[in-house]
Amino acid sequence: MRQINTVISAGLLAGLFDIIDAFVFFGARGANLMRIPQSIASGIIGDAAYSGGWMTFSIGLGLHFAMAVAMAFVFYLIAKMVPAVRQALTVSGLAYGLGVWAVMTYLVLPMSHFKGGQNPHFPPDLGPQLYNALFAHMVLVGLTIAWVMRGALKKA
């Protein structure tokens, strides 16, 4: 039970860091902060998410945190099966975050109803948005998940 609580905590903390990063990064560029979680909700609802007010804002936040917990659970399963992941948690967390970014960018977003992710470029355009996305996924998501799970993985 303690291990599942750790997985959930790791996901929630990584999700919190990631959403704060999105609010700060896009807010500094003049984005309407309400639209950030609504963009997440638009992945399943489509453009109607942008006119849904606080309801679709809340749905987007719920989806964001659910995905972060799922990411933590996947990392936990991988780490339980692959001893090298547990032995090099920092490198593993950073690599996992890079993998999460790639899956989100090139698989999840194009399959969703979110119009901003339909046709991602490969290789991606270099610039602040890419650098921030890589930082957020590698450090704030991957590394956070790996480090929070340190204790739970010792018992795995």
C-alpha atoms as a PDB file:
ATOM      1  CA  MET A   1       0.000   0.000   0.000  1.00  0.00           C
ATOM      2  CA  ARG A   2       2.854   2.354   0.794  1.00  0.00           C
ATOM      3  CA  GLN A   3       4.287   1.839  -2.688  1.00  0.00           C
ATOM      4  CA  ILE A   4       1.023   2.784  -4.421  1.00  0.00           C
ATOM      5  CA  ASN A   5       0.792   5.895  -2.241  1.00  0.00           C
ATOM      6  CA  THR A   6       4.326   6.789  -3.313  1.00  0.00           C
ATOM      7  CA  VAL A   7       3.435   6.291  -6.987  1.00  0.00           C
ATOM      8  CA  ILE A   8       0.386   8.526  -6.618  1.00  0.00           C
ATOM      9  CA  SER A   9       2.398  11.150  -4.716  1.00  0.00           C
ATOM     10  CA  ALA A  10       5.125  11.090  -7.376  1.00  0.00           C
ATOM     11  CA  GLY A  11       2.564  11.601 -10.129  1.00  0.00           C
ATOM     12  CA  LEU A  12       0.728  14.368  -8.323  1.00  0.00           C
ATOM     13  CA  LEU A  13       3.942  16.235  -7.504  1.00  0.00           C
ATOM     14  CA  ALA A  14       5.255  15.873 -11.070  1.00  0.00           C
ATOM     15  CA  GLY A  15       1.870  17.040 -12.381  1.00  0.00           C
ATOM     16  CA  LEU A  16       1.919  20.030 -10.047  1.00  0.00           C
ATOM     17  CA  PHE A  17       5.426  21.054 -11.124  1.00  0.00           C
ATOM     18  CA  ASP A  18       4.491  20.597 -14.790  1.00  0.00           C
ATOM     19  CA  ILE A  19       1.277  22.642 -14.642  1.00  0.00           C
ATOM     20  CA  ILE A  20       2.993  25.430 -12.696  1.00  0.00           C
ATOM     21  CA  ASP A  21       5.683  25.482 -15.384  1.00  0.00           C
ATOM     22  CA  ALA A  22       2.994  25.755 -18.083  1.00  0.00           C
ATOM     23  CA  PHE A  23       1.238  28.602 -16.249  1.00  0.00           C
ATOM     24  CA  VAL A  24       4.514  30.495 -15.774  1.00  0.00           C
ATOM     25  CA  PHE A  25       5.974  29.835 -19.246  1.00  0.00           C
ATOM     26  CA  PHE A  26       2.837  30.531 -21.268  1.00  0.00           C
ATOM     27  CA  GLY A  27       1.542  33.183 -18.857  1.00  0.00           C
ATOM     28  CA  ALA A  28       4.780  35.145 -19.334  1.00  0.00           C
ATOM     29  CA  ARG A  29       4.010  35.062 -23.058  1.00  0.00           C
ATOM     30  CA  GLY A  30       0.542  36.529 -22.542  1.00  0.00           C
ATOM     31  CA  ALA A  31      -1.514  33.330 -22.659  1.00  0.00           C
ATOM     32  CA  ASN A  32      -4.887  33.223 -20.964  1.00  0.00           C
ATOM     33  CA  LEU A  33      -4.172  30.810 -18.079  1.00  0.00           C
ATOM     34  CA  MET A  34      -7.729  29.460 -18.169  1.00  0.00           C
ATOM     35  CA  ARG A  35      -7.023  28.077 -21.643  1.00  0.00           C
ATOM     36  CA  ILE A  36      -4.081  25.913 -20.553  1.00  0.00           C
ATOM     37  CA  PRO A  37      -6.147  23.227 -18.775  1.00  0.00           C
ATOM     38  CA  GLN A  38      -8.933  23.785 -21.319  1.00  0.00           C
ATOM     39  CA  SER A  39      -6.412  22.843 -24.013  1.00  0.00           C
ATOM     40  CA  ILE A  40      -5.829  19.582 -22.168  1.00  0.00           C
ATOM     41  CA  ALA A  41      -9.588  18.997 -21.984  1.00  0.00           C
ATOM     42  CA  SER A  42      -9.839  19.746 -25.701  1.00  0.00           C
ATOM     43  CA  GLY A  43      -7.899  16.545 -26.292  1.00  0.00           C
ATOM     44  CA  ILE A  44     -11.069  14.594 -25.547  1.00  0.00           C
ATOM     45  CA  ILE A  45     -13.800  17.239 -25.909  1.00  0.00           C
ATOM     46  CA  GLY A  46     -12.514  19.184 -28.897  1.00  0.00           C
ATOM     47  CA  ASP A  47     -12.953  22.926 -29.386  1.00  0.00           C
ATOM     48  CA  ALA A  48     -16.008  22.986 -27.100  1.00  0.00           C
ATOM     49  CA  ALA A  49     -13.543  22.854 -24.185  1.00  0.00           C
ATOM     50  CA  TYR A  50     -12.641  26.501 -24.770  1.00  0.00           C
ATOM     51  CA  SER A  51     -16.197  27.667 -24.130  1.00  0.00           C
ATOM     52  CA  GLY A  52     -16.797  25.418 -21.125  1.00  0.00           C
ATOM     53  CA  GLY A  53     -15.522  27.833 -18.476  1.00  0.00           C
ATOM     54  CA  TRP A  54     -14.503  26.452 -15.113  1.00  0.00           C
ATOM     55  CA  MET A  55     -16.006  23.039 -15.878  1.00  0.00           C
ATOM     56  CA  THR A  56     -13.616  22.293 -18.739  1.00  0.00           C
ATOM     57  CA  PHE A  57     -10.784  23.995 -16.825  1.00  0.00           C
ATOM     58  CA  SER A  58     -11.421  21.439 -14.054  1.00  0.00           C
ATOM     59  CA  ILE A  59     -11.713  18.541 -16.498  1.00  0.00           C
ATOM     60  CA  GLY A  60      -8.387  19.554 -18.040  1.00  0.00           C
ATOM     61  CA  LEU A  61      -6.681  19.702 -14.640  1.00  0.00           C
ATOM     62  CA  GLY A  62      -8.148  16.325 -13.722  1.00  0.00           C
ATOM     63  CA  LEU A  63      -6.902  14.804 -16.963  1.00  0.00           C
ATOM     64  CA  HIS A  64      -3.481  16.388 -16.489  1.00  0.00           C
ATOM     65  CA  PHE A  65      -3.049  14.918 -13.012  1.00  0.00           C
ATOM     66  CA  ALA A  66      -4.491  11.540 -14.057  1.00  0.00           C
ATOM     67  CA  MET A  67      -1.925  11.341 -16.871  1.00  0.00           C
ATOM     68  CA  ALA A  68       0.875  12.323 -14.484  1.00  0.00           C
ATOM     69  CA  VAL A  69      -0.109   9.558 -12.047  1.00  0.00           C
ATOM     70  CA  ALA A  70      -0.309   7.087 -14.948  1.00  0.00           C
ATOM     71  CA  MET A  71       3.189   8.171 -16.038  1.00  0.00           C
ATOM     72  CA  ALA A  72       4.454   7.561 -12.504  1.00  0.00           C
ATOM     73  CA  PHE A  73       2.834   4.126 -12.462  1.00  0.00           C
ATOM     74  CA  VAL A  74       4.455   3.171 -15.784  1.00  0.00           C
ATOM     75  CA  PHE A  75       7.853   4.324 -14.484  1.00  0.00           C
ATOM     76  CA  TYR A  76       7.346   2.272 -11.330  1.00  0.00           C
ATOM     77  CA  LEU A  77       6.526  -0.855 -13.356  1.00  0.00           C
ATOM     78  CA  ILE A  78       9.542  -0.367 -15.610  1.00  0.00           C
ATOM     79  CA  ALA A  79      11.817   0.232 -12.619  1.00  0.00           C
ATOM     80  CA  LYS A  80      10.536  -2.923 -10.899  1.00  0.00           C
ATOM     81  CA  MET A  81      11.325  -5.014 -13.980  1.00  0.00           C
ATOM     82  CA  VAL A  82      14.639  -3.420 -14.999  1.00  0.00           C
ATOM     83  CA  PRO A  83      17.272  -3.300 -12.232  1.00  0.00           C
ATOM     84  CA  ALA A  84      19.438  -0.847 -14.211  1.00  0.00           C
ATOM     85  CA  VAL A  85      16.656   1.758 -13.915  1.00  0.00           C
ATOM     86  CA  ARG A  86      16.723   1.486 -10.123  1.00  0.00           C
ATOM     87  CA  GLN A  87      20.520   1.648 -10.042  1.00  0.00           C
ATOM     88  CA  ALA A  88      20.678   4.906 -12.028  1.00  0.00           C
ATOM     89  CA  LEU A  89      17.529   6.752 -11.014  1.00  0.00           C
ATOM     90  CA  THR A  90      18.708  10.208 -12.041  1.00  0.00           C
ATOM     91  CA  VAL A  91      19.664   9.177 -15.565  1.00  0.00           C
ATOM     92  CA  SER A  92      16.618   6.906 -15.786  1.00  0.00           C
ATOM     93  CA  GLY A  93      14.285   9.695 -14.693  1.00  0.00           C
ATOM     94  CA  LEU A  94      15.717  12.134 -17.230  1.00  0.00           C
ATOM     95  CA  ALA A  95      15.537   9.523 -20.014  1.00  0.00           C
ATOM     96  CA  TYR A  96      11.993   8.583 -19.000  1.00  0.00           C
ATOM     97  CA  GLY A  97      10.964  12.239 -19.123  1.00  0.00           C
ATOM     98  CA  LEU A  98      12.390  12.519 -22.638  1.00  0.00           C
ATOM     99  CA  GLY A  99      10.426   9.426 -23.617  1.00  0.00           C
ATOM    100  CA  VAL A 100       7.254  10.869 -22.088  1.00  0.00           C
ATOM    101  CA  TRP A 101       7.767  14.068 -24.115  1.00  0.00           C
ATOM    102  CA  ALA A 102       8.204  12.048 -27.326  1.00  0.00           C
ATOM    103  CA  VAL A 103       5.124   9.892 -26.679  1.00  0.00           C
ATOM    104  CA  MET A 104       3.001  12.926 -25.802  1.00  0.00           C
ATOM    105  CA  THR A 105       4.261  14.946 -28.778  1.00  0.00           C
ATOM    106  CA  TYR A 106       4.262  12.306 -31.498  1.00  0.00           C
ATOM    107  CA  LEU A 107       1.551   9.871 -30.383  1.00  0.00           C
ATOM    108  CA  VAL A 108      -0.929  11.237 -27.838  1.00  0.00           C
ATOM    109  CA  LEU A 109      -1.407  14.793 -29.157  1.00  0.00           C
ATOM    110  CA  PRO A 110      -1.783  13.820 -32.817  1.00  0.00           C
ATOM    111  CA  MET A 111      -4.408  11.209 -31.865  1.00  0.00           C
ATOM    112  CA  SER A 112      -6.356  13.674 -29.712  1.00  0.00           C
ATOM    113  CA  HIS A 113      -8.859  16.358 -30.667  1.00  0.00           C
ATOM    114  CA  PHE A 114      -6.375  19.092 -29.638  1.00  0.00           C
ATOM    115  CA  LYS A 115      -5.787  21.045 -32.831  1.00  0.00           C
ATOM    116  CA  GLY A 116      -2.415  22.408 -31.696  1.00  0.00           C
ATOM    117  CA  GLY A 117      -0.837  18.947 -31.690  1.00  0.00           C
ATOM    118  CA  GLN A 118      -2.195  17.439 -34.894  1.00  0.00           C
ATOM    119  CA  ASN A 119       0.916  17.731 -37.061  1.00  0.00           C
ATOM    120  CA  PRO A 120       4.079  17.829 -34.965  1.00  0.00           C
ATOM    121  CA  HIS A 121       7.315  18.474 -36.826  1.00  0.00           C
ATOM    122  CA  PHE A 122      10.186  16.036 -36.680  1.00  0.00           C
ATOM    123  CA  PRO A 123      12.722  17.157 -35.848  1.00  0.00           C
ATOM    124  CA  PRO A 124      10.952  19.783 -33.736  1.00  0.00           C
ATOM    125  CA  ASP A 125      11.587  23.470 -34.228  1.00  0.00           C
ATOM    126  CA  LEU A 126      14.351  24.693 -31.926  1.00  0.00           C
ATOM    127  CA  GLY A 127      13.375  27.509 -29.606  1.00  0.00           C
ATOM    128  CA  PRO A 128      12.079  28.430 -26.172  1.00  0.00           C
ATOM    129  CA  GLN A 129       8.920  26.332 -26.411  1.00  0.00           C
ATOM    130  CA  LEU A 130      10.863  23.145 -27.210  1.00  0.00           C
ATOM    131  CA  TYR A 131      13.509  23.847 -24.562  1.00  0.00           C
ATOM    132  CA  ASN A 132      10.823  24.460 -21.955  1.00  0.00           C
ATOM    133  CA  ALA A 133       8.920  21.313 -22.952  1.00  0.00           C
ATOM    134  CA  LEU A 134      12.087  19.215 -22.667  1.00  0.00           C
ATOM    135  CA  PHE A 135      12.981  20.770 -19.303  1.00  0.00           C
ATOM    136  CA  ALA A 136       9.455  20.248 -17.983  1.00  0.00           C
ATOM    137  CA  HIS A 137       9.211  16.629 -19.092  1.00  0.00           C
ATOM    138  CA  MET A 138      12.756  15.557 -18.270  1.00  0.00           C
ATOM    139  CA  VAL A 139      13.294  17.405 -14.986  1.00  0.00           C
ATOM    140  CA  LEU A 140       9.889  18.320 -13.587  1.00  0.00           C
ATOM    141  CA  VAL A 141       8.172  15.080 -14.611  1.00  0.00           C
ATOM    142  CA  GLY A 142      10.757  12.325 -15.162  1.00  0.00           C
ATOM    143  CA  LEU A 143      13.291  13.280 -12.528  1.00  0.00           C
ATOM    144  CA  THR A 144      10.627  14.155  -9.958  1.00  0.00           C
ATOM    145  CA  ILE A 145       8.925  10.788 -10.438  1.00  0.00           C
ATOM    146  CA  ALA A 146      12.223   8.907 -10.175  1.00  0.00           C
ATOM    147  CA  TRP A 147      13.405  10.728  -7.069  1.00  0.00           C
ATOM    148  CA  VAL A 148      10.089  10.548  -5.218  1.00  0.00           C
ATOM    149  CA  MET A 149       9.983   6.804  -5.844  1.00  0.00           C
ATOM    150  CA  ARG A 150      13.504   6.154  -4.567  1.00  0.00           C
ATOM    151  CA  GLY A 151      12.363   4.598  -1.295  1.00  0.00           C
ATOM    152  CA  ALA A 152       9.527   2.574  -2.815  1.00  0.00           C
ATOM    153  CA  LEU A 153      11.854   1.161  -5.449  1.00  0.00           C
ATOM    154  CA  LYS A 154      14.372  -0.023  -2.865  1.00  0.00           C
ATOM    155  CA  LYS A 155      11.679  -2.370  -1.609  1.00  0.00           C
ATOM    156  CA  ALA A 156      10.726  -3.519  -5.122  1.00  0.00           C
END
